Amino acid sequence: MGTVTGGVPESAAAPTEARRRHFRDVLGHFSTGVVVVTASGSGGRAGMTCQSVVSLSLEPPLVLFCPAKASTSWPRIREAGHFCINILAADQAALSAAFARSGGDKFVGVEWTPGVTGAPVLAGTLAHVECTLEAVHDGGDHDIAVGAVVDLSVRRDAKPLVFFRGAFLELP
């Protein structure tokens, strides 16, 4: 297969960690928004920070996000069968960090209201998109979760929380 820019070989003989680091470094040049995906089911509330969110289809309205298979929150969100994508504002980096950690009650001190599916809609977000879980596909070390949109709204006008090259980026 040759080599990729930066001199990291693509061959199977290349050190796995070097290939992973190079992959992350290159893809880190694509800026993303930051969201917290939440759900509430028989296992209680669950939430996780996520950057891999995409509008998939207008008709029918579908979105997708890609949770890590190693996530401890994802099985509870999947079991709930519904979720809310809470789109974070630039002033919500601490909220992003709280939901990025593993374990514990991530909702302590977090203001929220139940959405139409019962999924937590977090206070102060730019917007939210509530969905029922329609399909889950294999995506390597992540799953690809497809949701059918059942409710959505813009909640306030502010700058988004943006992630770029391993850090939050402040937009002018």
C-alpha atoms as a PDB file:
ATOM      1  CA  MET A   1       0.000   0.000   0.000  1.00  0.00           C
ATOM      2  CA  GLY A   2       2.948   2.373   0.196  1.00  0.00           C
ATOM      3  CA  THR A   3       3.221   5.078   2.812  1.00  0.00           C
ATOM      4  CA  VAL A   4       0.966   7.845   4.015  1.00  0.00           C
ATOM      5  CA  THR A   5       1.991  11.481   4.244  1.00  0.00           C
ATOM      6  CA  GLY A   6       4.152  11.930   7.297  1.00  0.00           C
ATOM      7  CA  GLY A   7       6.146   8.791   6.616  1.00  0.00           C
ATOM      8  CA  VAL A   8       4.086   6.354   8.695  1.00  0.00           C
ATOM      9  CA  PRO A   9       3.849   3.065   6.769  1.00  0.00           C
ATOM     10  CA  GLU A  10       0.403   1.607   6.160  1.00  0.00           C
ATOM     11  CA  SER A  11       1.692  -1.979   6.136  1.00  0.00           C
ATOM     12  CA  ALA A  12       0.633  -4.452   8.784  1.00  0.00           C
ATOM     13  CA  ALA A  13       4.257  -4.464   9.980  1.00  0.00           C
ATOM     14  CA  ALA A  14       3.986  -0.842  11.174  1.00  0.00           C
ATOM     15  CA  PRO A  15       3.684  -0.439  14.949  1.00  0.00           C
ATOM     16  CA  THR A  16       0.002  -0.345  15.864  1.00  0.00           C
ATOM     17  CA  GLU A  17       0.391   2.575  18.269  1.00  0.00           C
ATOM     18  CA  ALA A  18       2.258   4.669  15.668  1.00  0.00           C
ATOM     19  CA  ARG A  19      -0.490   4.038  13.106  1.00  0.00           C
ATOM     20  CA  ARG A  20      -3.195   4.941  15.632  1.00  0.00           C
ATOM     21  CA  ARG A  21      -1.409   8.159  16.655  1.00  0.00           C
ATOM     22  CA  HIS A  22      -0.890   9.172  13.022  1.00  0.00           C
ATOM     23  CA  PHE A  23      -4.552   8.445  12.230  1.00  0.00           C
ATOM     24  CA  ARG A  24      -5.706  10.561  15.198  1.00  0.00           C
ATOM     25  CA  ASP A  25      -3.291  13.387  14.360  1.00  0.00           C
ATOM     26  CA  VAL A  26      -4.457  13.603  10.747  1.00  0.00           C
ATOM     27  CA  LEU A  27      -8.195  13.277  11.502  1.00  0.00           C
ATOM     28  CA  GLY A  28      -7.795  15.766  14.345  1.00  0.00           C
ATOM     29  CA  HIS A  29      -7.485  18.420  11.654  1.00  0.00           C
ATOM     30  CA  PHE A  30     -11.204  18.020  10.992  1.00  0.00           C
ATOM     31  CA  SER A  31     -13.062  20.185  13.500  1.00  0.00           C
ATOM     32  CA  THR A  32     -16.185  18.760  15.098  1.00  0.00           C
ATOM     33  CA  GLY A  33     -18.965  19.944  17.309  1.00  0.00           C
ATOM     34  CA  VAL A  34     -19.333  18.400  20.752  1.00  0.00           C
ATOM     35  CA  VAL A  35     -22.511  16.810  22.085  1.00  0.00           C
ATOM     36  CA  VAL A  36     -23.678  14.861  25.087  1.00  0.00           C
ATOM     37  CA  VAL A  37     -25.860  11.872  24.217  1.00  0.00           C
ATOM     38  CA  THR A  38     -28.301  11.020  27.011  1.00  0.00           C
ATOM     39  CA  ALA A  39     -30.955   8.395  27.703  1.00  0.00           C
ATOM     40  CA  SER A  40     -33.110   7.191  30.544  1.00  0.00           C
ATOM     41  CA  GLY A  41     -34.303   3.627  30.861  1.00  0.00           C
ATOM     42  CA  SER A  42     -34.729   0.779  33.314  1.00  0.00           C
ATOM     43  CA  GLY A  43     -31.021   1.033  34.153  1.00  0.00           C
ATOM     44  CA  GLY A  44     -31.415   4.709  35.088  1.00  0.00           C
ATOM     45  CA  ARG A  45     -29.967   7.748  33.352  1.00  0.00           C
ATOM     46  CA  ALA A  46     -26.924   7.478  31.125  1.00  0.00           C
ATOM     47  CA  GLY A  47     -24.891  10.017  29.206  1.00  0.00           C
ATOM     48  CA  MET A  48     -21.692  10.321  27.229  1.00  0.00           C
ATOM     49  CA  THR A  49     -19.744  13.008  25.409  1.00  0.00           C
ATOM     50  CA  CYS A  50     -19.476  12.412  21.678  1.00  0.00           C
ATOM     51  CA  GLN A  51     -18.026  14.150  18.631  1.00  0.00           C
ATOM     52  CA  SER A  52     -19.014  11.727  15.897  1.00  0.00           C
ATOM     53  CA  VAL A  53     -22.545  12.940  15.116  1.00  0.00           C
ATOM     54  CA  VAL A  54     -23.928  13.283  11.610  1.00  0.00           C
ATOM     55  CA  SER A  55     -27.187  14.287   9.999  1.00  0.00           C
ATOM     56  CA  LEU A  56     -27.905  11.197   7.891  1.00  0.00           C
ATOM     57  CA  SER A  57     -31.217  11.731   6.069  1.00  0.00           C
ATOM     58  CA  LEU A  58     -33.870  14.393   5.612  1.00  0.00           C
ATOM     59  CA  GLU A  59     -36.596  11.962   4.533  1.00  0.00           C
ATOM     60  CA  PRO A  60     -37.056  10.249   6.856  1.00  0.00           C
ATOM     61  CA  PRO A  61     -35.179  12.437   9.359  1.00  0.00           C
ATOM     62  CA  LEU A  62     -32.269  10.322  10.625  1.00  0.00           C
ATOM     63  CA  VAL A  63     -29.074  11.096  12.518  1.00  0.00           C
ATOM     64  CA  LEU A  64     -26.219   8.911  13.649  1.00  0.00           C
ATOM     65  CA  PHE A  65     -23.556   8.882  16.314  1.00  0.00           C
ATOM     66  CA  CYS A  66     -20.684   6.505  16.884  1.00  0.00           C
ATOM     67  CA  PRO A  67     -20.172   5.310  20.476  1.00  0.00           C
ATOM     68  CA  ALA A  68     -17.068   3.340  21.417  1.00  0.00           C
ATOM     69  CA  LYS A  69     -17.807  -0.326  22.032  1.00  0.00           C
ATOM     70  CA  ALA A  70     -15.753  -0.015  25.242  1.00  0.00           C
ATOM     71  CA  SER A  71     -18.056   2.716  26.595  1.00  0.00           C
ATOM     72  CA  THR A  72     -19.794   1.898  29.871  1.00  0.00           C
ATOM     73  CA  SER A  73     -22.651   4.309  29.048  1.00  0.00           C
ATOM     74  CA  TRP A  74     -23.428   3.053  25.542  1.00  0.00           C
ATOM     75  CA  PRO A  75     -24.993  -0.295  26.614  1.00  0.00           C
ATOM     76  CA  ARG A  76     -27.468   1.590  28.851  1.00  0.00           C
ATOM     77  CA  ILE A  77     -28.309   4.071  26.085  1.00  0.00           C
ATOM     78  CA  ARG A  78     -28.761   1.196  23.630  1.00  0.00           C
ATOM     79  CA  GLU A  79     -30.989  -0.688  26.081  1.00  0.00           C
ATOM     80  CA  ALA A  80     -33.183   2.399  26.571  1.00  0.00           C
ATOM     81  CA  GLY A  81     -34.006   2.354  22.846  1.00  0.00           C
ATOM     82  CA  HIS A  82     -34.022   6.154  22.596  1.00  0.00           C
ATOM     83  CA  PHE A  83     -31.594   9.011  23.115  1.00  0.00           C
ATOM     84  CA  CYS A  84     -31.158  12.762  23.056  1.00  0.00           C
ATOM     85  CA  ILE A  85     -28.280  14.492  21.303  1.00  0.00           C
ATOM     86  CA  ASN A  86     -27.588  17.646  23.328  1.00  0.00           C
ATOM     87  CA  ILE A  87     -25.543  20.073  21.188  1.00  0.00           C
ATOM     88  CA  LEU A  88     -23.161  21.945  23.489  1.00  0.00           C
ATOM     89  CA  ALA A  89     -22.391  25.655  23.540  1.00  0.00           C
ATOM     90  CA  ALA A  90     -18.878  27.106  23.839  1.00  0.00           C
ATOM     91  CA  ASP A  91     -19.444  27.824  27.539  1.00  0.00           C
ATOM     92  CA  GLN A  92     -20.210  24.148  28.281  1.00  0.00           C
ATOM     93  CA  ALA A  93     -16.709  22.638  28.166  1.00  0.00           C
ATOM     94  CA  ALA A  94     -17.044  21.585  31.825  1.00  0.00           C
ATOM     95  CA  LEU A  95     -20.257  19.727  30.975  1.00  0.00           C
ATOM     96  CA  SER A  96     -18.433  17.970  28.138  1.00  0.00           C
ATOM     97  CA  ALA A  97     -15.677  16.914  30.548  1.00  0.00           C
ATOM     98  CA  ALA A  98     -18.180  15.668  33.153  1.00  0.00           C
ATOM     99  CA  PHE A  99     -19.885  13.372  30.642  1.00  0.00           C
ATOM    100  CA  ALA A 100     -16.561  12.242  29.117  1.00  0.00           C
ATOM    101  CA  ARG A 101     -15.413  10.560  32.322  1.00  0.00           C
ATOM    102  CA  SER A 102     -16.173   6.927  33.021  1.00  0.00           C
ATOM    103  CA  GLY A 103     -18.301   5.797  35.933  1.00  0.00           C
ATOM    104  CA  GLY A 104     -20.188   7.615  38.647  1.00  0.00           C
ATOM    105  CA  ASP A 105     -23.360   9.664  38.377  1.00  0.00           C
ATOM    106  CA  LYS A 106     -22.617  12.141  35.596  1.00  0.00           C
ATOM    107  CA  PHE A 107     -25.876  13.999  36.259  1.00  0.00           C
ATOM    108  CA  VAL A 108     -24.909  15.310  39.722  1.00  0.00           C
ATOM    109  CA  GLY A 109     -25.442  19.074  39.662  1.00  0.00           C
ATOM    110  CA  VAL A 110     -26.637  19.015  36.030  1.00  0.00           C
ATOM    111  CA  GLU A 111     -29.950  20.695  35.273  1.00  0.00           C
ATOM    112  CA  TRP A 112     -32.149  18.799  32.824  1.00  0.00           C
ATOM    113  CA  THR A 113     -35.747  18.055  31.895  1.00  0.00           C
ATOM    114  CA  PRO A 114     -37.208  14.881  30.408  1.00  0.00           C
ATOM    115  CA  GLY A 115     -37.829  15.082  26.678  1.00  0.00           C
ATOM    116  CA  VAL A 116     -40.704  13.461  24.794  1.00  0.00           C
ATOM    117  CA  THR A 117     -38.922  10.073  24.933  1.00  0.00           C
ATOM    118  CA  GLY A 118     -37.924  10.542  28.571  1.00  0.00           C
ATOM    119  CA  ALA A 119     -34.298  11.129  27.612  1.00  0.00           C
ATOM    120  CA  PRO A 120     -32.655  13.973  29.562  1.00  0.00           C
ATOM    121  CA  VAL A 121     -32.563  17.280  27.684  1.00  0.00           C
ATOM    122  CA  LEU A 122     -29.699  19.215  29.268  1.00  0.00           C
ATOM    123  CA  ALA A 123     -30.180  22.858  30.249  1.00  0.00           C
ATOM    124  CA  GLY A 124     -28.260  25.568  28.419  1.00  0.00           C
ATOM    125  CA  THR A 125     -27.502  23.602  25.261  1.00  0.00           C
ATOM    126  CA  LEU A 126     -27.628  25.159  21.797  1.00  0.00           C
ATOM    127  CA  ALA A 127     -30.100  22.592  20.534  1.00  0.00           C
ATOM    128  CA  HIS A 128     -31.301  19.073  21.094  1.00  0.00           C
ATOM    129  CA  VAL A 129     -32.368  16.191  18.854  1.00  0.00           C
ATOM    130  CA  GLU A 130     -34.394  13.345  20.365  1.00  0.00           C
ATOM    131  CA  CYS A 131     -34.495  10.000  18.621  1.00  0.00           C
ATOM    132  CA  THR A 132     -35.615   6.428  18.826  1.00  0.00           C
ATOM    133  CA  LEU A 133     -32.814   3.967  18.145  1.00  0.00           C
ATOM    134  CA  GLU A 134     -33.496   2.507  14.695  1.00  0.00           C
ATOM    135  CA  ALA A 135     -30.372   0.471  13.938  1.00  0.00           C
ATOM    136  CA  VAL A 136     -26.896  -0.319  15.191  1.00  0.00           C
ATOM    137  CA  HIS A 137     -24.131  -1.259  12.750  1.00  0.00           C
ATOM    138  CA  ASP A 138     -20.597  -2.474  13.312  1.00  0.00           C
ATOM    139  CA  GLY A 139     -17.931   0.201  12.904  1.00  0.00           C
ATOM    140  CA  GLY A 140     -14.692  -1.417  14.051  1.00  0.00           C
ATOM    141  CA  ASP A 141     -14.011  -0.448  17.668  1.00  0.00           C
ATOM    142  CA  HIS A 142     -17.157   1.731  17.585  1.00  0.00           C
ATOM    143  CA  ASP A 143     -20.807   1.092  16.794  1.00  0.00           C
ATOM    144  CA  ILE A 144     -22.797   3.211  14.365  1.00  0.00           C
ATOM    145  CA  ALA A 145     -26.090   4.095  16.057  1.00  0.00           C
ATOM    146  CA  VAL A 146     -28.828   5.369  13.746  1.00  0.00           C
ATOM    147  CA  GLY A 147     -31.684   7.328  15.284  1.00  0.00           C
ATOM    148  CA  ALA A 148     -35.080   8.342  13.892  1.00  0.00           C
ATOM    149  CA  VAL A 149     -35.754  11.934  14.935  1.00  0.00           C
ATOM    150  CA  VAL A 150     -38.918  12.382  17.013  1.00  0.00           C
ATOM    151  CA  ASP A 151     -38.328  15.879  18.416  1.00  0.00           C
ATOM    152  CA  LEU A 152     -35.786  18.662  18.000  1.00  0.00           C
ATOM    153  CA  SER A 153     -35.373  22.340  18.711  1.00  0.00           C
ATOM    154  CA  VAL A 154     -32.933  25.201  18.907  1.00  0.00           C
ATOM    155  CA  ARG A 155     -32.711  26.262  22.536  1.00  0.00           C
ATOM    156  CA  ARG A 156     -30.454  29.348  22.455  1.00  0.00           C
ATOM    157  CA  ASP A 157     -28.287  31.451  20.168  1.00  0.00           C
ATOM    158  CA  ALA A 158     -24.618  31.120  21.152  1.00  0.00           C
ATOM    159  CA  LYS A 159     -21.313  29.862  19.766  1.00  0.00           C
ATOM    160  CA  PRO A 160     -20.831  26.069  19.575  1.00  0.00           C
ATOM    161  CA  LEU A 161     -18.323  24.015  21.510  1.00  0.00           C
ATOM    162  CA  VAL A 162     -15.798  22.989  18.829  1.00  0.00           C
ATOM    163  CA  PHE A 163     -13.044  20.377  19.086  1.00  0.00           C
ATOM    164  CA  PHE A 164      -9.949  20.692  16.871  1.00  0.00           C
ATOM    165  CA  ARG A 165      -6.501  19.038  17.041  1.00  0.00           C
ATOM    166  CA  GLY A 166      -7.067  17.593  20.497  1.00  0.00           C
ATOM    167  CA  ALA A 167      -8.455  20.707  22.195  1.00  0.00           C
ATOM    168  CA  PHE A 168     -11.444  22.993  22.298  1.00  0.00           C
ATOM    169  CA  LEU A 169     -11.291  25.764  19.717  1.00  0.00           C
ATOM    170  CA  GLU A 170     -12.758  29.185  20.399  1.00  0.00           C
ATOM    171  CA  LEU A 171     -14.459  30.640  17.357  1.00  0.00           C
ATOM    172  CA  PRO A 172     -14.009  34.382  16.747  1.00  0.00           C
END
